[in-house]
Structure formats: structure tokens, C-alpha cells
Amino acid sequence: MAAAAGRALTEGERAEIQRIANRYNTIIDVVGSRAAGTARNIDTDFPVGKGVGSRSDIDFRIDASHPMVDDLIQALMRVGNGAGNASRKHNTTARPTAPPFIRFAPEG
């Protein structure tokens, strides 16, 4: 696939993240280059990383006090064919997410 710059999330990634928000009944914030719309090489098979020949990861902020936080993190790490980046230390528990961000809330 052709390299694409200046993008946030693909439709597939959006659907994956929404399913996870629904499954775990939690808010998930996407931050970093994906939220700013400056991500590199989206929709490619480039490895996740920094610089030439890599694609931007998907940085998440989550509720670290969620009762299934470890499962939530593992699910987010698989988003976008392994592009997800989530951990307990990047959380909304200590402070709210600052813009820019893309928020996914559970539906229904």
C-alpha cells in the first residue's frame, strides 16, 4: 500500500478501538501523532517505530483503575496489527487527557 502521512486512524482501527471500549465499558483516549493527524505511513506494513521506513504507533490513555486493566492493555496493544501502545503509566486516573485527543466512549 502507498505510504500516507498526515492521518489519524484508519476506519478499521477506529472500529477495533470502539469494540474494545464497548467490551470493557471504558473510555479510551488516542493521543500523540494519531490524534494530531500527523502520523506516518498509515495503512502500510512498515514496522511501528520512529523515522524513515516505519509507521506511527497508536498511543492510548486509559483508566488505570479499571478492574480488567491488564486485559484492556493487551487488547489495545493488538490494535492496528500491533500498532497500539498502552500501559498503566499512561492513564487518565492521575490527570485528564489534554488535547489533541480522539475519545472513544462505550456505545449504548
N, C-alpha and C. Protein backbone atom coordinates (compact mmCIF):
# COMPACT_ATOMS: atom_id res chain seq x y z
N MET A 1 0.84 -1.19 0.00
CA MET A 1 0.00 0.00 0.00
C MET A 1 0.88 1.24 0.00
N ALA A 2 0.35 2.29 -0.52
CA ALA A 2 1.09 3.55 -0.57
C ALA A 2 1.19 4.16 0.81
N ALA A 3 2.32 4.80 1.07
CA ALA A 3 2.51 5.48 2.36
C ALA A 3 1.59 6.69 2.42
N ALA A 4 1.02 6.93 3.58
CA ALA A 4 0.13 8.08 3.76
C ALA A 4 0.56 8.84 5.00
N ALA A 5 0.74 10.11 4.87
CA ALA A 5 1.13 10.95 6.01
C ALA A 5 -0.04 11.85 6.38
N GLY A 6 0.03 12.44 7.54
CA GLY A 6 -1.00 13.39 7.94
C GLY A 6 -2.34 12.76 8.22
N ARG A 7 -2.35 11.56 8.76
CA ARG A 7 -3.60 10.87 9.04
C ARG A 7 -3.68 10.51 10.51
N ALA A 8 -4.88 10.25 10.93
CA ALA A 8 -5.10 9.90 12.33
C ALA A 8 -5.26 8.39 12.47
N LEU A 9 -6.44 7.89 12.20
CA LEU A 9 -6.75 6.47 12.35
C LEU A 9 -7.45 5.97 11.10
N THR A 10 -7.23 4.72 10.76
CA THR A 10 -7.98 4.12 9.66
C THR A 10 -9.37 3.74 10.18
N GLU A 11 -10.27 3.49 9.25
CA GLU A 11 -11.62 3.05 9.66
C GLU A 11 -11.55 1.74 10.44
N GLY A 12 -10.67 0.84 10.02
CA GLY A 12 -10.51 -0.43 10.73
C GLY A 12 -10.01 -0.24 12.15
N GLU A 13 -9.04 0.67 12.32
CA GLU A 13 -8.53 0.95 13.67
C GLU A 13 -9.61 1.58 14.53
N ARG A 14 -10.37 2.50 13.95
CA ARG A 14 -11.48 3.11 14.70
C ARG A 14 -12.47 2.04 15.18
N ALA A 15 -12.80 1.11 14.29
CA ALA A 15 -13.74 0.05 14.65
C ALA A 15 -13.16 -0.84 15.75
N GLU A 16 -11.88 -1.19 15.64
CA GLU A 16 -11.23 -2.01 16.67
C GLU A 16 -11.28 -1.32 18.03
N ILE A 17 -10.92 -0.05 18.06
CA ILE A 17 -10.90 0.69 19.34
C ILE A 17 -12.30 0.80 19.91
N GLN A 18 -13.30 1.07 19.06
CA GLN A 18 -14.67 1.17 19.56
C GLN A 18 -15.14 -0.15 20.14
N ARG A 19 -14.80 -1.26 19.49
CA ARG A 19 -15.19 -2.58 20.04
C ARG A 19 -14.56 -2.80 21.42
N ILE A 20 -13.32 -2.38 21.59
CA ILE A 20 -12.65 -2.53 22.88
C ILE A 20 -13.30 -1.64 23.93
N ALA A 21 -13.62 -0.40 23.57
CA ALA A 21 -14.31 0.50 24.51
C ALA A 21 -15.63 -0.11 24.94
N ASN A 22 -16.36 -0.70 23.99
CA ASN A 22 -17.64 -1.34 24.30
C ASN A 22 -17.44 -2.57 25.18
N ARG A 23 -16.48 -3.41 24.80
CA ARG A 23 -16.26 -4.67 25.54
C ARG A 23 -15.88 -4.42 26.99
N TYR A 24 -15.01 -3.44 27.23
CA TYR A 24 -14.53 -3.16 28.58
C TYR A 24 -15.30 -2.04 29.27
N ASN A 25 -16.30 -1.50 28.57
CA ASN A 25 -17.15 -0.44 29.12
C ASN A 25 -16.30 0.67 29.74
N THR A 26 -15.41 1.22 28.91
CA THR A 26 -14.48 2.24 29.40
C THR A 26 -14.19 3.27 28.31
N ILE A 27 -13.73 4.41 28.73
CA ILE A 27 -13.30 5.47 27.81
C ILE A 27 -11.84 5.23 27.46
N ILE A 28 -11.54 5.37 26.18
CA ILE A 28 -10.17 5.22 25.67
C ILE A 28 -9.84 6.47 24.89
N ASP A 29 -8.71 7.10 25.23
CA ASP A 29 -8.26 8.28 24.51
C ASP A 29 -7.05 7.94 23.64
N VAL A 30 -7.10 8.35 22.38
CA VAL A 30 -5.96 8.25 21.48
C VAL A 30 -5.27 9.61 21.51
N VAL A 31 -3.96 9.60 21.74
CA VAL A 31 -3.17 10.83 21.84
C VAL A 31 -1.98 10.75 20.88
N GLY A 32 -1.13 11.73 20.92
CA GLY A 32 0.09 11.71 20.11
C GLY A 32 -0.18 12.05 18.65
N SER A 33 0.67 11.54 17.76
CA SER A 33 0.60 11.90 16.35
C SER A 33 -0.70 11.45 15.70
N ARG A 34 -1.26 10.34 16.17
CA ARG A 34 -2.53 9.89 15.60
C ARG A 34 -3.65 10.89 15.91
N ALA A 35 -3.66 11.41 17.11
CA ALA A 35 -4.70 12.39 17.48
C ALA A 35 -4.47 13.72 16.77
N ALA A 36 -3.21 14.06 16.55
CA ALA A 36 -2.88 15.33 15.89
C ALA A 36 -3.01 15.25 14.38
N GLY A 37 -3.21 14.05 13.85
CA GLY A 37 -3.34 13.89 12.41
C GLY A 37 -2.01 14.00 11.68
N THR A 38 -0.91 13.70 12.36
CA THR A 38 0.42 13.81 11.76
C THR A 38 1.14 12.47 11.69
N ALA A 39 0.40 11.38 11.80
CA ALA A 39 1.01 10.05 11.81
C ALA A 39 1.63 9.72 10.46
N ARG A 40 2.67 8.88 10.50
CA ARG A 40 3.40 8.49 9.31
C ARG A 40 3.01 7.09 8.83
N ASN A 41 2.97 6.95 7.52
CA ASN A 41 2.89 5.64 6.86
C ASN A 41 1.75 4.76 7.35
N ILE A 42 0.60 5.38 7.56
CA ILE A 42 -0.60 4.64 7.96
C ILE A 42 -1.05 3.77 6.78
N ASP A 43 -1.61 2.63 7.06
CA ASP A 43 -2.07 1.68 6.04
C ASP A 43 -0.92 1.07 5.26
N THR A 44 0.21 0.90 5.91
CA THR A 44 1.34 0.19 5.31
C THR A 44 1.69 -0.99 6.19
N ASP A 45 2.59 -1.80 5.71
CA ASP A 45 3.07 -2.91 6.54
C ASP A 45 4.42 -2.58 7.16
N PHE A 46 4.79 -1.29 7.16
CA PHE A 46 6.03 -0.88 7.80
C PHE A 46 5.98 -1.22 9.29
N PRO A 47 7.13 -1.49 9.89
CA PRO A 47 7.14 -1.73 11.33
C PRO A 47 6.81 -0.46 12.10
N VAL A 48 6.28 -0.63 13.29
CA VAL A 48 5.99 0.51 14.16
C VAL A 48 7.31 1.04 14.70
N GLY A 49 7.48 2.34 14.66
CA GLY A 49 8.72 2.92 15.18
C GLY A 49 8.84 4.39 14.83
N LYS A 50 10.04 4.88 14.90
CA LYS A 50 10.33 6.29 14.61
C LYS A 50 11.17 6.37 13.34
N GLY A 51 10.94 7.38 12.54
CA GLY A 51 11.80 7.67 11.41
C GLY A 51 11.43 6.97 10.11
N VAL A 52 12.35 7.07 9.15
CA VAL A 52 12.15 6.55 7.81
C VAL A 52 11.90 5.05 7.84
N GLY A 53 10.93 4.62 7.02
CA GLY A 53 10.66 3.19 6.91
C GLY A 53 9.87 2.60 8.05
N SER A 54 9.24 3.46 8.86
CA SER A 54 8.42 2.97 9.97
C SER A 54 7.07 3.68 9.94
N ARG A 55 6.14 3.14 10.69
CA ARG A 55 4.82 3.76 10.80
C ARG A 55 4.58 4.17 12.25
N SER A 56 3.75 5.17 12.40
CA SER A 56 3.45 5.68 13.74
C SER A 56 2.62 4.67 14.54
N ASP A 57 2.89 4.63 15.82
CA ASP A 57 2.09 3.78 16.70
C ASP A 57 0.79 4.51 17.06
N ILE A 58 -0.02 3.86 17.85
CA ILE A 58 -1.27 4.45 18.34
C ILE A 58 -1.14 4.52 19.85
N ASP A 59 -0.95 5.73 20.36
CA ASP A 59 -0.77 5.93 21.80
C ASP A 59 -2.12 6.08 22.47
N PHE A 60 -2.34 5.28 23.51
CA PHE A 60 -3.60 5.30 24.24
C PHE A 60 -3.40 5.80 25.67
N ARG A 61 -4.42 6.49 26.18
CA ARG A 61 -4.52 6.79 27.61
C ARG A 61 -5.80 6.11 28.09
N ILE A 62 -5.70 5.45 29.23
CA ILE A 62 -6.80 4.63 29.74
C ILE A 62 -6.98 4.86 31.24
N ASP A 63 -8.04 4.29 31.76
CA ASP A 63 -8.31 4.31 33.20
C ASP A 63 -7.49 3.19 33.85
N ALA A 64 -6.42 3.55 34.53
CA ALA A 64 -5.54 2.56 35.15
C ALA A 64 -6.21 1.82 36.31
N SER A 65 -7.33 2.34 36.81
CA SER A 65 -8.02 1.66 37.90
C SER A 65 -9.10 0.70 37.38
N HIS A 66 -9.19 0.53 36.07
CA HIS A 66 -10.18 -0.39 35.50
C HIS A 66 -9.94 -1.79 36.07
N PRO A 67 -11.00 -2.51 36.45
CA PRO A 67 -10.82 -3.83 37.07
C PRO A 67 -10.16 -4.87 36.15
N MET A 68 -10.19 -4.63 34.84
CA MET A 68 -9.56 -5.56 33.90
C MET A 68 -8.47 -4.84 33.10
N VAL A 69 -7.71 -3.97 33.78
CA VAL A 69 -6.75 -3.11 33.09
C VAL A 69 -5.71 -3.90 32.30
N ASP A 70 -5.24 -5.02 32.81
CA ASP A 70 -4.22 -5.78 32.08
C ASP A 70 -4.78 -6.36 30.77
N ASP A 71 -6.00 -6.86 30.82
CA ASP A 71 -6.64 -7.37 29.59
C ASP A 71 -6.91 -6.22 28.62
N LEU A 72 -7.34 -5.08 29.14
CA LEU A 72 -7.58 -3.89 28.32
C LEU A 72 -6.30 -3.48 27.60
N ILE A 73 -5.20 -3.43 28.32
CA ILE A 73 -3.91 -3.06 27.72
C ILE A 73 -3.54 -4.04 26.62
N GLN A 74 -3.67 -5.32 26.88
CA GLN A 74 -3.33 -6.32 25.87
C GLN A 74 -4.19 -6.16 24.62
N ALA A 75 -5.46 -5.90 24.78
CA ALA A 75 -6.34 -5.71 23.63
C ALA A 75 -5.91 -4.48 22.83
N LEU A 76 -5.58 -3.39 23.51
CA LEU A 76 -5.17 -2.17 22.82
C LEU A 76 -3.83 -2.34 22.12
N MET A 77 -2.93 -3.13 22.67
CA MET A 77 -1.63 -3.35 22.05
C MET A 77 -1.75 -4.06 20.70
N ARG A 78 -2.84 -4.79 20.50
CA ARG A 78 -3.04 -5.52 19.24
C ARG A 78 -3.70 -4.66 18.15
N VAL A 79 -4.23 -3.49 18.51
CA VAL A 79 -4.93 -2.64 17.53
C VAL A 79 -3.98 -2.28 16.39
N GLY A 80 -4.53 -2.25 15.18
CA GLY A 80 -3.75 -1.84 14.02
C GLY A 80 -2.61 -2.78 13.72
N ASN A 81 -2.87 -4.09 13.89
CA ASN A 81 -1.83 -5.09 13.63
C ASN A 81 -0.58 -4.83 14.47
N GLY A 82 -0.81 -4.55 15.75
CA GLY A 82 0.29 -4.38 16.68
C GLY A 82 0.81 -2.96 16.81
N ALA A 83 0.05 -1.98 16.34
CA ALA A 83 0.49 -0.58 16.42
C ALA A 83 0.13 0.08 17.75
N GLY A 84 -0.69 -0.58 18.56
CA GLY A 84 -1.13 0.01 19.82
C GLY A 84 -0.03 0.13 20.86
N ASN A 85 -0.10 1.21 21.62
CA ASN A 85 0.86 1.46 22.69
C ASN A 85 0.06 1.88 23.93
N ALA A 86 -0.05 1.00 24.89
CA ALA A 86 -0.84 1.27 26.10
C ALA A 86 -0.11 0.73 27.31
N SER A 87 -0.27 1.42 28.44
CA SER A 87 0.32 0.95 29.69
C SER A 87 -0.40 1.61 30.86
N ARG A 88 -0.15 1.09 32.04
CA ARG A 88 -0.73 1.67 33.25
C ARG A 88 -0.23 3.10 33.48
N LYS A 89 1.00 3.40 33.07
CA LYS A 89 1.56 4.71 33.37
C LYS A 89 0.97 5.83 32.50
N HIS A 90 0.38 5.48 31.36
CA HIS A 90 -0.27 6.48 30.51
C HIS A 90 -1.76 6.38 30.77
N ASN A 91 -2.20 7.06 31.80
CA ASN A 91 -3.58 6.85 32.24
C ASN A 91 -4.31 8.15 32.48
N THR A 92 -5.62 8.03 32.55
CA THR A 92 -6.49 9.17 32.83
C THR A 92 -6.83 9.27 34.31
N THR A 93 -6.29 8.34 35.10
CA THR A 93 -6.58 8.31 36.53
C THR A 93 -5.92 9.48 37.25
N ALA A 94 -4.66 9.76 36.92
CA ALA A 94 -3.90 10.81 37.59
C ALA A 94 -4.30 12.21 37.14
N ARG A 95 -4.58 12.35 35.83
CA ARG A 95 -4.97 13.66 35.31
C ARG A 95 -5.75 13.46 34.01
N PRO A 96 -6.61 14.41 33.66
CA PRO A 96 -7.37 14.29 32.41
C PRO A 96 -6.46 14.36 31.18
N THR A 97 -6.94 13.83 30.09
CA THR A 97 -6.20 13.89 28.84
C THR A 97 -6.27 15.31 28.28
N ALA A 98 -5.12 15.82 27.84
CA ALA A 98 -5.04 17.15 27.24
C ALA A 98 -5.15 17.04 25.72
N PRO A 99 -5.78 18.01 25.08
CA PRO A 99 -5.89 17.99 23.62
C PRO A 99 -4.52 18.09 22.95
N PRO A 100 -4.40 17.59 21.73
CA PRO A 100 -5.45 16.93 20.95
C PRO A 100 -5.59 15.46 21.35
N PHE A 101 -6.80 14.98 21.31
CA PHE A 101 -7.05 13.56 21.54
C PHE A 101 -8.32 13.15 20.81
N ILE A 102 -8.44 11.86 20.57
CA ILE A 102 -9.65 11.27 19.99
C ILE A 102 -10.21 10.36 21.07
N ARG A 103 -11.42 10.63 21.49
CA ARG A 103 -12.03 9.87 22.59
C ARG A 103 -13.01 8.85 22.06
N PHE A 104 -12.88 7.63 22.60
CA PHE A 104 -13.82 6.55 22.32
C PHE A 104 -14.53 6.23 23.62
N ALA A 105 -15.85 6.35 23.61
CA ALA A 105 -16.67 6.02 24.78
C ALA A 105 -17.53 4.81 24.45
N PRO A 106 -17.88 4.02 25.45
CA PRO A 106 -18.73 2.86 25.17
C PRO A 106 -20.08 3.30 24.58
N GLU A 107 -20.54 2.54 23.62
CA GLU A 107 -21.84 2.81 23.00
C GLU A 107 -22.92 2.05 23.75
N GLY A 108 -24.05 2.70 23.90
CA GLY A 108 -25.22 2.04 24.47
C GLY A 108 -25.18 1.93 25.89
